[in-house]
Amino acid sequence: MLQSKKVKFKPKTISLRLADGTQNNVAALTTVVNLKVEGKVVLTELIVLPEAKGNRTLLGTDFLQSAGIVLDVLSGARHFCENPQIQYPFYNVSSKNENSTSISDSEERSAQT
């Protein structure tokens, strides 16, 4: 998806803390994009680990905080902190082919304003 949008990445060395507590410095690629989730746009730094193979996208707590997303693990849903009445299921079988998340280059957004 990012390659088809010609998103530009910058090389960066990042420090990763593993589950066992050890810390490793690894080569990464980073970019800042607008991530649209359920109609809300959030400016987000994405980090790609070129050496990691077969991994799926994982957004961390920094993204959840900046987006204002609250996870309700017990009920299997999430909501935005400013509107807790509207709940979104973690996974909805009927909409698995719909793309409720989209990405745009933050430079593209800046150029349009």
PDB file of N, CA and C in Angstrom:
ATOM      1  N   MET A   1       0.818  -1.185   0.000  1.00  0.00           N
ATOM      2  CA  MET A   1       0.000   0.000   0.000  1.00  0.00           C
ATOM      3  C   MET A   1       0.870   1.260   0.000  1.00  0.00           C
ATOM      4  N   LEU A   2       1.872   1.310   0.847  1.00  0.00           N
ATOM      5  CA  LEU A   2       2.734   2.484   0.919  1.00  0.00           C
ATOM      6  C   LEU A   2       3.570   2.646  -0.342  1.00  0.00           C
ATOM      7  N   GLN A   3       4.046   1.531  -0.896  1.00  0.00           N
ATOM      8  CA  GLN A   3       4.843   1.596  -2.120  1.00  0.00           C
ATOM      9  C   GLN A   3       4.015   2.130  -3.275  1.00  0.00           C
ATOM     10  N   SER A   4       2.766   1.715  -3.384  1.00  0.00           N
ATOM     11  CA  SER A   4       1.916   2.175  -4.485  1.00  0.00           C
ATOM     12  C   SER A   4       1.617   3.671  -4.378  1.00  0.00           C
ATOM     13  N   LYS A   5       1.653   4.224  -3.171  1.00  0.00           N
ATOM     14  CA  LYS A   5       1.440   5.657  -2.972  1.00  0.00           C
ATOM     15  C   LYS A   5       2.751   6.439  -3.035  1.00  0.00           C
ATOM     16  N   LYS A   6       3.861   5.727  -3.308  1.00  0.00           N
ATOM     17  CA  LYS A   6       5.185   6.335  -3.418  1.00  0.00           C
ATOM     18  C   LYS A   6       5.571   7.162  -2.173  1.00  0.00           C
ATOM     19  N   VAL A   7       5.255   6.615  -1.010  1.00  0.00           N
ATOM     20  CA  VAL A   7       5.613   7.255   0.249  1.00  0.00           C
ATOM     21  C   VAL A   7       7.123   7.173   0.424  1.00  0.00           C
ATOM     22  N   LYS A   8       7.747   8.279   0.818  1.00  0.00           N
ATOM     23  CA  LYS A   8       9.203   8.335   0.989  1.00  0.00           C
ATOM     24  C   LYS A   8       9.576   7.974   2.422  1.00  0.00           C
ATOM     25  N   PHE A   9      10.582   7.104   2.549  1.00  0.00           N
ATOM     26  CA  PHE A   9      11.084   6.670   3.849  1.00  0.00           C
ATOM     27  C   PHE A   9      12.491   7.200   4.068  1.00  0.00           C
ATOM     28  N   LYS A  10      12.845   7.421   5.339  1.00  0.00           N
ATOM     29  CA  LYS A  10      14.192   7.845   5.708  1.00  0.00           C
ATOM     30  C   LYS A  10      14.821   6.757   6.569  1.00  0.00           C
ATOM     31  N   PRO A  11      16.116   6.453   6.331  1.00  0.00           N
ATOM     32  CA  PRO A  11      16.784   5.455   7.176  1.00  0.00           C
ATOM     33  C   PRO A  11      17.021   6.012   8.583  1.00  0.00           C
ATOM     34  N   LYS A  12      16.948   5.123   9.562  1.00  0.00           N
ATOM     35  CA  LYS A  12      17.111   5.528  10.958  1.00  0.00           C
ATOM     36  C   LYS A  12      17.520   4.306  11.764  1.00  0.00           C
ATOM     37  N   THR A  13      18.359   4.486  12.759  1.00  0.00           N
ATOM     38  CA  THR A  13      18.676   3.413  13.694  1.00  0.00           C
ATOM     39  C   THR A  13      17.790   3.606  14.918  1.00  0.00           C
ATOM     40  N   ILE A  14      17.070   2.554  15.285  1.00  0.00           N
ATOM     41  CA  ILE A  14      16.186   2.647  16.439  1.00  0.00           C
ATOM     42  C   ILE A  14      16.570   1.599  17.474  1.00  0.00           C
ATOM     43  N   SER A  15      16.175   1.845  18.696  1.00  0.00           N
ATOM     44  CA  SER A  15      16.438   0.922  19.791  1.00  0.00           C
ATOM     45  C   SER A  15      15.145   0.189  20.123  1.00  0.00           C
ATOM     46  N   LEU A  16      15.194  -1.145  20.052  1.00  0.00           N
ATOM     47  CA  LEU A  16      14.027  -1.975  20.362  1.00  0.00           C
ATOM     48  C   LEU A  16      14.248  -2.715  21.670  1.00  0.00           C
ATOM     49  N   ARG A  17      13.236  -2.711  22.518  1.00  0.00           N
ATOM     50  CA  ARG A  17      13.293  -3.506  23.742  1.00  0.00           C
ATOM     51  C   ARG A  17      12.443  -4.744  23.509  1.00  0.00           C
ATOM     52  N   LEU A  18      13.049  -5.899  23.663  1.00  0.00           N
ATOM     53  CA  LEU A  18      12.368  -7.167  23.430  1.00  0.00           C
ATOM     54  C   LEU A  18      11.610  -7.611  24.679  1.00  0.00           C
ATOM     55  N   ALA A  19      10.774  -8.616  24.524  1.00  0.00           N
ATOM     56  CA  ALA A  19       9.942  -9.104  25.627  1.00  0.00           C
ATOM     57  C   ALA A  19      10.779  -9.576  26.814  1.00  0.00           C
ATOM     58  N   ASP A  20      11.996 -10.072  26.551  1.00  0.00           N
ATOM     59  CA  ASP A  20      12.849 -10.551  27.646  1.00  0.00           C
ATOM     60  C   ASP A  20      13.622  -9.422  28.326  1.00  0.00           C
ATOM     61  N   GLY A  21      13.394  -8.174  27.899  1.00  0.00           N
ATOM     62  CA  GLY A  21      14.041  -7.023  28.519  1.00  0.00           C
ATOM     63  C   GLY A  21      15.317  -6.571  27.842  1.00  0.00           C
ATOM     64  N   THR A  22      15.862  -7.380  26.934  1.00  0.00           N
ATOM     65  CA  THR A  22      17.079  -6.972  26.238  1.00  0.00           C
ATOM     66  C   THR A  22      16.761  -5.875  25.228  1.00  0.00           C
ATOM     67  N   GLN A  23      17.800  -5.090  24.940  1.00  0.00           N
ATOM     68  CA  GLN A  23      17.632  -3.977  24.020  1.00  0.00           C
ATOM     69  C   GLN A  23      18.574  -4.154  22.841  1.00  0.00           C
ATOM     70  N   ASN A  24      18.053  -3.937  21.626  1.00  0.00           N
ATOM     71  CA  ASN A  24      18.850  -4.064  20.405  1.00  0.00           C
ATOM     72  C   ASN A  24      18.703  -2.813  19.564  1.00  0.00           C
ATOM     73  N   ASN A  25      19.801  -2.382  18.937  1.00  0.00           N
ATOM     74  CA  ASN A  25      19.746  -1.314  17.949  1.00  0.00           C
ATOM     75  C   ASN A  25      19.603  -1.956  16.580  1.00  0.00           C
ATOM     76  N   VAL A  26      18.617  -1.497  15.801  1.00  0.00           N
ATOM     77  CA  VAL A  26      18.358  -2.080  14.488  1.00  0.00           C
ATOM     78  C   VAL A  26      18.162  -0.979  13.455  1.00  0.00           C
ATOM     79  N   ALA A  27      18.477  -1.321  12.201  1.00  0.00           N
ATOM     80  CA  ALA A  27      18.241  -0.406  11.086  1.00  0.00           C
ATOM     81  C   ALA A  27      16.752  -0.399  10.768  1.00  0.00           C
ATOM     82  N   ALA A  28      16.216   0.785  10.548  1.00  0.00           N
ATOM     83  CA  ALA A  28      14.792   0.921  10.246  1.00  0.00           C
ATOM     84  C   ALA A  28      14.599   1.988   9.179  1.00  0.00           C
ATOM     85  N   LEU A  29      13.403   2.022   8.650  1.00  0.00           N
ATOM     86  CA  LEU A  29      12.977   3.073   7.734  1.00  0.00           C
ATOM     87  C   LEU A  29      11.764   3.737   8.373  1.00  0.00           C
ATOM     88  N   THR A  30      11.706   5.071   8.333  1.00  0.00           N
ATOM     89  CA  THR A  30      10.575   5.769   8.946  1.00  0.00           C
ATOM     90  C   THR A  30       9.942   6.755   7.967  1.00  0.00           C
ATOM     91  N   THR A  31       8.690   7.019   8.197  1.00  0.00           N
ATOM     92  CA  THR A  31       7.957   8.034   7.443  1.00  0.00           C
ATOM     93  C   THR A  31       6.804   8.524   8.303  1.00  0.00           C
ATOM     94  N   VAL A  32       6.324   9.707   7.999  1.00  0.00           N
ATOM     95  CA  VAL A  32       5.168  10.257   8.700  1.00  0.00           C
ATOM     96  C   VAL A  32       4.022  10.340   7.701  1.00  0.00           C
ATOM     97  N   VAL A  33       2.895   9.762   8.069  1.00  0.00           N
ATOM     98  CA  VAL A  33       1.728   9.715   7.182  1.00  0.00           C
ATOM     99  C   VAL A  33       0.468  10.108   7.949  1.00  0.00           C
ATOM    100  N   ASN A  34      -0.557  10.423   7.202  1.00  0.00           N
ATOM    101  CA  ASN A  34      -1.885  10.601   7.780  1.00  0.00           C
ATOM    102  C   ASN A  34      -2.579   9.256   7.723  1.00  0.00           C
ATOM    103  N   LEU A  35      -2.981   8.765   8.867  1.00  0.00           N
ATOM    104  CA  LEU A  35      -3.687   7.490   8.947  1.00  0.00           C
ATOM    105  C   LEU A  35      -5.151   7.802   9.238  1.00  0.00           C
ATOM    106  N   LYS A  36      -6.041   7.325   8.380  1.00  0.00           N
ATOM    107  CA  LYS A  36      -7.471   7.573   8.563  1.00  0.00           C
ATOM    108  C   LYS A  36      -8.114   6.311   9.126  1.00  0.00           C
ATOM    109  N   VAL A  37      -8.658   6.449  10.332  1.00  0.00           N
ATOM    110  CA  VAL A  37      -9.290   5.321  11.020  1.00  0.00           C
ATOM    111  C   VAL A  37     -10.720   5.722  11.365  1.00  0.00           C
ATOM    112  N   GLU A  38     -11.678   4.994  10.803  1.00  0.00           N
ATOM    113  CA  GLU A  38     -13.097   5.265  11.060  1.00  0.00           C
ATOM    114  C   GLU A  38     -13.429   6.741  10.840  1.00  0.00           C
ATOM    115  N   GLY A  39     -12.847   7.341   9.800  1.00  0.00           N
ATOM    116  CA  GLY A  39     -13.147   8.724   9.441  1.00  0.00           C
ATOM    117  C   GLY A  39     -12.298   9.767  10.137  1.00  0.00           C
ATOM    118  N   LYS A  40     -11.492   9.382  11.112  1.00  0.00           N
ATOM    119  CA  LYS A  40     -10.641  10.323  11.842  1.00  0.00           C
ATOM    120  C   LYS A  40      -9.223  10.232  11.294  1.00  0.00           C
ATOM    121  N   VAL A  41      -8.589  11.383  11.019  1.00  0.00           N
ATOM    122  CA  VAL A  41      -7.235  11.418  10.466  1.00  0.00           C
ATOM    123  C   VAL A  41      -6.241  11.695  11.592  1.00  0.00           C
ATOM    124  N   VAL A  42      -5.198  10.849  11.674  1.00  0.00           N
ATOM    125  CA  VAL A  42      -4.187  10.969  12.723  1.00  0.00           C
ATOM    126  C   VAL A  42      -2.809  10.997  12.070  1.00  0.00           C
ATOM    127  N   LEU A  43      -2.021  12.035  12.340  1.00  0.00           N
ATOM    128  CA  LEU A  43      -0.643  12.115  11.859  1.00  0.00           C
ATOM    129  C   LEU A  43       0.187  11.102  12.648  1.00  0.00           C
ATOM    130  N   THR A  44       0.838  10.173  11.944  1.00  0.00           N
ATOM    131  CA  THR A  44       1.481   9.029  12.589  1.00  0.00           C
ATOM    132  C   THR A  44       2.844   8.738  11.981  1.00  0.00           C
ATOM    133  N   GLU A  45       3.838   8.473  12.832  1.00  0.00           N
ATOM    134  CA  GLU A  45       5.135   8.009  12.341  1.00  0.00           C
ATOM    135  C   GLU A  45       5.071   6.487  12.218  1.00  0.00           C
ATOM    136  N   LEU A  46       5.371   5.990  11.024  1.00  0.00           N
ATOM    137  CA  LEU A  46       5.437   4.549  10.801  1.00  0.00           C
ATOM    138  C   LEU A  46       6.890   4.121  10.744  1.00  0.00           C
ATOM    139  N   ILE A  47       7.188   2.969  11.312  1.00  0.00           N
ATOM    140  CA  ILE A  47       8.543   2.416  11.331  1.00  0.00           C
ATOM    141  C   ILE A  47       8.504   1.060  10.651  1.00  0.00           C
ATOM    142  N   VAL A  48       9.381   0.886   9.660  1.00  0.00           N
ATOM    143  CA  VAL A  48       9.490  -0.381   8.939  1.00  0.00           C
ATOM    144  C   VAL A  48      10.829  -1.004   9.302  1.00  0.00           C
ATOM    145  N   LEU A  49      10.808  -2.279   9.655  1.00  0.00           N
ATOM    146  CA  LEU A  49      12.033  -3.023   9.935  1.00  0.00           C
ATOM    147  C   LEU A  49      12.315  -3.904   8.727  1.00  0.00           C
ATOM    148  N   PRO A  50      13.227  -3.487   7.838  1.00  0.00           N
ATOM    149  CA  PRO A  50      13.474  -4.236   6.603  1.00  0.00           C
ATOM    150  C   PRO A  50      13.891  -5.684   6.829  1.00  0.00           C
ATOM    151  N   GLU A  51      14.545  -5.972   7.935  1.00  0.00           N
ATOM    152  CA  GLU A  51      15.011  -7.334   8.209  1.00  0.00           C
ATOM    153  C   GLU A  51      13.898  -8.246   8.724  1.00  0.00           C
ATOM    154  N   ALA A  52      12.798  -7.670   9.177  1.00  0.00           N
ATOM    155  CA  ALA A  52      11.674  -8.474   9.682  1.00  0.00           C
ATOM    156  C   ALA A  52      10.849  -8.959   8.500  1.00  0.00           C
ATOM    157  N   LYS A  53      10.665 -10.247   8.408  1.00  0.00           N
ATOM    158  CA  LYS A  53       9.932 -10.839   7.284  1.00  0.00           C
ATOM    159  C   LYS A  53       8.605 -11.417   7.760  1.00  0.00           C
ATOM    160  N   GLY A  54       7.566 -11.234   6.955  1.00  0.00           N
ATOM    161  CA  GLY A  54       6.273 -11.851   7.237  1.00  0.00           C
ATOM    162  C   GLY A  54       5.506 -11.232   8.385  1.00  0.00           C
ATOM    163  N   ASN A  55       5.860 -10.012   8.790  1.00  0.00           N
ATOM    164  CA  ASN A  55       5.152  -9.366   9.892  1.00  0.00           C
ATOM    165  C   ASN A  55       3.997  -8.533   9.374  1.00  0.00           C
ATOM    166  N   ARG A  56       2.976  -8.385  10.194  1.00  0.00           N
ATOM    167  CA  ARG A  56       1.837  -7.536   9.856  1.00  0.00           C
ATOM    168  C   ARG A  56       1.983  -6.211  10.596  1.00  0.00           C
ATOM    169  N   THR A  57       1.222  -5.226  10.191  1.00  0.00           N
ATOM    170  CA  THR A  57       1.294  -3.901  10.799  1.00  0.00           C
ATOM    171  C   THR A  57       0.881  -3.959  12.264  1.00  0.00           C
ATOM    172  N   LEU A  58       1.637  -3.276  13.097  1.00  0.00           N
ATOM    173  CA  LEU A  58       1.320  -3.174  14.514  1.00  0.00           C
ATOM    174  C   LEU A  58       1.486  -1.717  14.923  1.00  0.00           C
ATOM    175  N   LEU A  59       0.426  -1.108  15.375  1.00  0.00           N
ATOM    176  CA  LEU A  59       0.491   0.266  15.853  1.00  0.00           C
ATOM    177  C   LEU A  59       0.548   0.224  17.368  1.00  0.00           C
ATOM    178  N   GLY A  60       1.451   1.012  17.939  1.00  0.00           N
ATOM    179  CA  GLY A  60       1.690   0.943  19.374  1.00  0.00           C
ATOM    180  C   GLY A  60       0.862   1.916  20.187  1.00  0.00           C
ATOM    181  N   THR A  61       1.197   1.980  21.465  1.00  0.00           N
ATOM    182  CA  THR A  61       0.444   2.829  22.383  1.00  0.00           C
ATOM    183  C   THR A  61       0.587   4.306  22.047  1.00  0.00           C
ATOM    184  N   ASP A  62       1.706   4.707  21.438  1.00  0.00           N
ATOM    185  CA  ASP A  62       1.842   6.111  21.042  1.00  0.00           C
ATOM    186  C   ASP A  62       0.778   6.483  20.015  1.00  0.00           C
ATOM    187  N   PHE A  63       0.488   5.575  19.073  1.00  0.00           N
ATOM    188  CA  PHE A  63      -0.572   5.821  18.097  1.00  0.00           C
ATOM    189  C   PHE A  63      -1.937   5.858  18.779  1.00  0.00           C
ATOM    190  N   LEU A  64      -2.202   4.897  19.644  1.00  0.00           N
ATOM    191  CA  LEU A  64      -3.493   4.852  20.334  1.00  0.00           C
ATOM    192  C   LEU A  64      -3.729   6.140  21.117  1.00  0.00           C
ATOM    193  N   GLN A  65      -2.679   6.645  21.764  1.00  0.00           N
ATOM    194  CA  GLN A  65      -2.803   7.871  22.550  1.00  0.00           C
ATOM    195  C   GLN A  65      -3.055   9.080  21.654  1.00  0.00           C
ATOM    196  N   SER A  66      -2.283   9.231  20.580  1.00  0.00           N
ATOM    197  CA  SER A  66      -2.464  10.399  19.715  1.00  0.00           C
ATOM    198  C   SER A  66      -3.803  10.362  18.983  1.00  0.00           C
ATOM    199  N   ALA A  67      -4.322   9.169  18.697  1.00  0.00           N
ATOM    200  CA  ALA A  67      -5.621   9.038  18.031  1.00  0.00           C
ATOM    201  C   ALA A  67      -6.777   9.143  19.025  1.00  0.00           C
ATOM    202  N   GLY A  68      -6.476   9.008  20.314  1.00  0.00           N
ATOM    203  CA  GLY A  68      -7.534   9.035  21.322  1.00  0.00           C
ATOM    204  C   GLY A  68      -8.386   7.783  21.303  1.00  0.00           C
ATOM    205  N   ILE A  69      -7.758   6.648  20.972  1.00  0.00           N
ATOM    206  CA  ILE A  69      -8.482   5.378  20.905  1.00  0.00           C
ATOM    207  C   ILE A  69      -8.417   4.678  22.261  1.00  0.00           C
ATOM    208  N   VAL A  70      -9.579   4.246  22.735  1.00  0.00           N
ATOM    209  CA  VAL A  70      -9.683   3.515  23.993  1.00  0.00           C
ATOM    210  C   VAL A  70     -10.052   2.075  23.658  1.00  0.00           C
ATOM    211  N   LEU A  71      -9.256   1.122  24.156  1.00  0.00           N
ATOM    212  CA  LEU A  71      -9.524  -0.298  23.921  1.00  0.00           C
ATOM    213  C   LEU A  71     -10.340  -0.872  25.075  1.00  0.00           C
ATOM    214  N   ASP A  72     -11.418  -1.554  24.742  1.00  0.00           N
ATOM    215  CA  ASP A  72     -12.224  -2.278  25.726  1.00  0.00           C
ATOM    216  C   ASP A  72     -12.065  -3.757  25.401  1.00  0.00           C
ATOM    217  N   VAL A  73     -11.042  -4.365  25.969  1.00  0.00           N
ATOM    218  CA  VAL A  73     -10.696  -5.749  25.653  1.00  0.00           C
ATOM    219  C   VAL A  73     -11.801  -6.703  26.087  1.00  0.00           C
ATOM    220  N   LEU A  74     -12.438  -6.424  27.208  1.00  0.00           N
ATOM    221  CA  LEU A  74     -13.491  -7.305  27.708  1.00  0.00           C
ATOM    222  C   LEU A  74     -14.632  -7.459  26.699  1.00  0.00           C
ATOM    223  N   SER A  75     -15.047  -6.364  26.087  1.00  0.00           N
ATOM    224  CA  SER A  75     -16.152  -6.454  25.124  1.00  0.00           C
ATOM    225  C   SER A  75     -15.669  -6.589  23.686  1.00  0.00           C
ATOM    226  N   GLY A  76     -14.354  -6.545  23.476  1.00  0.00           N
ATOM    227  CA  GLY A  76     -13.812  -6.708  22.129  1.00  0.00           C
ATOM    228  C   GLY A  76     -14.116  -5.538  21.215  1.00  0.00           C
ATOM    229  N   ALA A  77     -14.073  -4.332  21.779  1.00  0.00           N
ATOM    230  CA  ALA A  77     -14.391  -3.142  20.987  1.00  0.00           C
ATOM    231  C   ALA A  77     -13.445  -1.997  21.340  1.00  0.00           C
ATOM    232  N   ARG A  78     -13.493  -0.978  20.504  1.00  0.00           N
ATOM    233  CA  ARG A  78     -12.715   0.228  20.744  1.00  0.00           C
ATOM    234  C   ARG A  78     -13.624   1.421  20.478  1.00  0.00           C
ATOM    235  N   HIS A  79     -13.243   2.582  21.040  1.00  0.00           N
ATOM    236  CA  HIS A  79     -13.960   3.819  20.747  1.00  0.00           C
ATOM    237  C   HIS A  79     -12.988   4.982  20.851  1.00  0.00           C
ATOM    238  N   PHE A  80     -13.390   6.113  20.318  1.00  0.00           N
ATOM    239  CA  PHE A  80     -12.591   7.322  20.467  1.00  0.00           C
ATOM    240  C   PHE A  80     -12.992   7.995  21.774  1.00  0.00           C
ATOM    241  N   CYS A  81     -12.004   8.525  22.495  1.00  0.00           N
ATOM    242  CA  CYS A  81     -12.276   9.080  23.824  1.00  0.00           C
ATOM    243  C   CYS A  81     -13.303  10.211  23.778  1.00  0.00           C
ATOM    244  N   GLU A  82     -13.363  10.955  22.669  1.00  0.00           N
ATOM    245  CA  GLU A  82     -14.317  12.060  22.596  1.00  0.00           C
ATOM    246  C   GLU A  82     -15.747  11.607  22.281  1.00  0.00           C
ATOM    247  N   ASN A  83     -15.919  10.318  21.936  1.00  0.00           N
ATOM    248  CA  ASN A  83     -17.254   9.817  21.609  1.00  0.00           C
ATOM    249  C   ASN A  83     -17.385   8.348  22.030  1.00  0.00           C
ATOM    250  N   PRO A  84     -17.434   8.078  23.339  1.00  0.00           N
ATOM    251  CA  PRO A  84     -17.459   6.687  23.810  1.00  0.00           C
ATOM    252  C   PRO A  84     -18.748   5.936  23.480  1.00  0.00           C
ATOM    253  N   GLN A  85     -19.793   6.643  23.055  1.00  0.00           N
ATOM    254  CA  GLN A  85     -21.056   5.970  22.739  1.00  0.00           C
ATOM    255  C   GLN A  85     -20.956   5.159  21.450  1.00  0.00           C
ATOM    256  N   ILE A  86     -20.072   5.560  20.537  1.00  0.00           N
ATOM    257  CA  ILE A  86     -19.919   4.824  19.281  1.00  0.00           C
ATOM    258  C   ILE A  86     -18.785   3.819  19.445  1.00  0.00           C
ATOM    259  N   GLN A  87     -19.133   2.534  19.420  1.00  0.00           N
ATOM    260  CA  GLN A  87     -18.178   1.445  19.611  1.00  0.00           C
ATOM    261  C   GLN A  87     -17.870   0.789  18.265  1.00  0.00           C
ATOM    262  N   TYR A  88     -16.610   0.439  18.054  1.00  0.00           N
ATOM    263  CA  TYR A  88     -16.176  -0.270  16.850  1.00  0.00           C
ATOM    264  C   TYR A  88     -15.614  -1.621  17.277  1.00  0.00           C
ATOM    265  N   PRO A  89     -16.111  -2.719  16.709  1.00  0.00           N
ATOM    266  CA  PRO A  89     -15.585  -4.042  17.086  1.00  0.00           C
ATOM    267  C   PRO A  89     -14.138  -4.196  16.635  1.00  0.00           C
ATOM    268  N   PHE A  90     -13.367  -4.985  17.381  1.00  0.00           N
ATOM    269  CA  PHE A  90     -11.985  -5.258  16.988  1.00  0.00           C
ATOM    270  C   PHE A  90     -11.928  -5.876  15.605  1.00  0.00           C
ATOM    271  N   TYR A  91     -12.831  -6.796  15.325  1.00  0.00           N
ATOM    272  CA  TYR A  91     -12.842  -7.471  14.034  1.00  0.00           C
ATOM    273  C   TYR A  91     -14.280  -7.744  13.662  1.00  0.00           C
ATOM    274  N   ASN A  92     -14.657  -7.315  12.477  1.00  0.00           N
ATOM    275  CA  ASN A  92     -16.025  -7.501  12.018  1.00  0.00           C
ATOM    276  C   ASN A  92     -15.999  -8.351  10.761  1.00  0.00           C
ATOM    277  N   VAL A  93     -16.483  -9.581  10.846  1.00  0.00           N
ATOM    278  CA  VAL A  93     -16.437 -10.522   9.732  1.00  0.00           C
ATOM    279  C   VAL A  93     -17.148  -9.966   8.509  1.00  0.00           C
ATOM    280  N   SER A  94     -18.286  -9.303   8.684  1.00  0.00           N
ATOM    281  CA  SER A  94     -19.056  -8.821   7.536  1.00  0.00           C
ATOM    282  C   SER A  94     -18.349  -7.716   6.777  1.00  0.00           C
ATOM    283  N   SER A  95     -17.401  -7.021   7.408  1.00  0.00           N
ATOM    284  CA  SER A  95     -16.724  -5.924   6.719  1.00  0.00           C
ATOM    285  C   SER A  95     -15.253  -6.221   6.457  1.00  0.00           C
ATOM    286  N   LYS A  96     -14.865  -7.497   6.468  1.00  0.00           N
ATOM    287  CA  LYS A  96     -13.445  -7.812   6.332  1.00  0.00           C
ATOM    288  C   LYS A  96     -12.868  -7.388   4.990  1.00  0.00           C
ATOM    289  N   ASN A  97     -13.704  -7.232   3.962  1.00  0.00           N
ATOM    290  CA  ASN A  97     -13.214  -6.780   2.670  1.00  0.00           C
ATOM    291  C   ASN A  97     -13.251  -5.265   2.526  1.00  0.00           C
ATOM    292  N   GLU A  98     -13.862  -4.573   3.476  1.00  0.00           N
ATOM    293  CA  GLU A  98     -13.899  -3.123   3.446  1.00  0.00           C
ATOM    294  C   GLU A  98     -12.620  -2.584   4.062  1.00  0.00           C
ATOM    295  N   ASN A  99     -12.165  -1.469   3.552  1.00  0.00           N
ATOM    296  CA  ASN A  99     -10.958  -0.854   4.079  1.00  0.00           C
ATOM    297  C   ASN A  99     -11.348   0.378   4.870  1.00  0.00           C
ATOM    298  N   SER A 100     -11.476   0.241   6.195  1.00  0.00           N
ATOM    299  CA  SER A 100     -11.842   1.382   7.021  1.00  0.00           C
ATOM    300  C   SER A 100     -10.616   2.162   7.469  1.00  0.00           C
ATOM    301  N   THR A 101      -9.432   1.738   7.042  1.00  0.00           N
ATOM    302  CA  THR A 101      -8.198   2.431   7.363  1.00  0.00           C
ATOM    303  C   THR A 101      -7.513   2.813   6.065  1.00  0.00           C
ATOM    304  N   SER A 102      -7.076   4.055   5.956  1.00  0.00           N
ATOM    305  CA  SER A 102      -6.338   4.466   4.769  1.00  0.00           C
ATOM    306  C   SER A 102      -5.143   5.297   5.185  1.00  0.00           C
ATOM    307  N   ILE A 103      -4.176   5.395   4.284  1.00  0.00           N
ATOM    308  CA  ILE A 103      -2.928   6.086   4.569  1.00  0.00           C
ATOM    309  C   ILE A 103      -2.683   7.106   3.478  1.00  0.00           C
ATOM    310  N   SER A 104      -2.241   8.298   3.875  1.00  0.00           N
ATOM    311  CA  SER A 104      -1.791   9.279   2.895  1.00  0.00           C
ATOM    312  C   SER A 104      -0.520   9.922   3.413  1.00  0.00           C
ATOM    313  N   ASP A 105       0.326  10.323   2.502  1.00  0.00           N
ATOM    314  CA  ASP A 105       1.596  10.951   2.848  1.00  0.00           C
ATOM    315  C   ASP A 105       1.312  12.295   3.499  1.00  0.00           C
ATOM    316  N   SER A 106       1.963  12.599   4.624  1.00  0.00           N
ATOM    317  CA  SER A 106       1.722  13.867   5.313  1.00  0.00           C
ATOM    318  C   SER A 106       2.140  15.044   4.447  1.00  0.00           C
ATOM    319  N   GLU A 107       3.124  14.857   3.562  1.00  0.00           N
ATOM    320  CA  GLU A 107       3.528  15.928   2.659  1.00  0.00           C
ATOM    321  C   GLU A 107       2.407  16.226   1.678  1.00  0.00           C
ATOM    322  N   GLU A 108       1.676  15.192   1.260  1.00  0.00           N
ATOM    323  CA  GLU A 108       0.539  15.370   0.358  1.00  0.00           C
ATOM    324  C   GLU A 108      -0.514  16.232   1.038  1.00  0.00           C
ATOM    325  N   ARG A 109      -0.762  15.998   2.318  1.00  0.00           N
ATOM    326  CA  ARG A 109      -1.742  16.768   3.069  1.00  0.00           C
ATOM    327  C   ARG A 109      -1.293  18.213   3.191  1.00  0.00           C
ATOM    328  N   SER A 110      -0.010  18.431   3.471  1.00  0.00           N
ATOM    329  CA  SER A 110       0.516  19.776   3.614  1.00  0.00           C
ATOM    330  C   SER A 110       0.423  20.546   2.308  1.00  0.00           C
ATOM    331  N   ALA A 111       0.636  19.870   1.193  1.00  0.00           N
ATOM    332  CA  ALA A 111       0.596  20.524  -0.106  1.00  0.00           C
ATOM    333  C   ALA A 111      -0.819  20.952  -0.464  1.00  0.00           C
ATOM    334  N   GLN A 112      -1.821  20.259   0.077  1.00  0.00           N
ATOM    335  CA  GLN A 112      -3.207  20.570  -0.248  1.00  0.00           C
ATOM    336  C   GLN A 112      -3.751  21.720   0.583  1.00  0.00           C
ATOM    337  N   THR A 113      -3.105  22.046   1.701  1.00  0.00           N
ATOM    338  CA  THR A 113      -3.622  23.111   2.567  1.00  0.00           C
ATOM    339  C   THR A 113      -2.963  24.430   2.300  1.00  0.00           C
TER     340      THR A 113
END
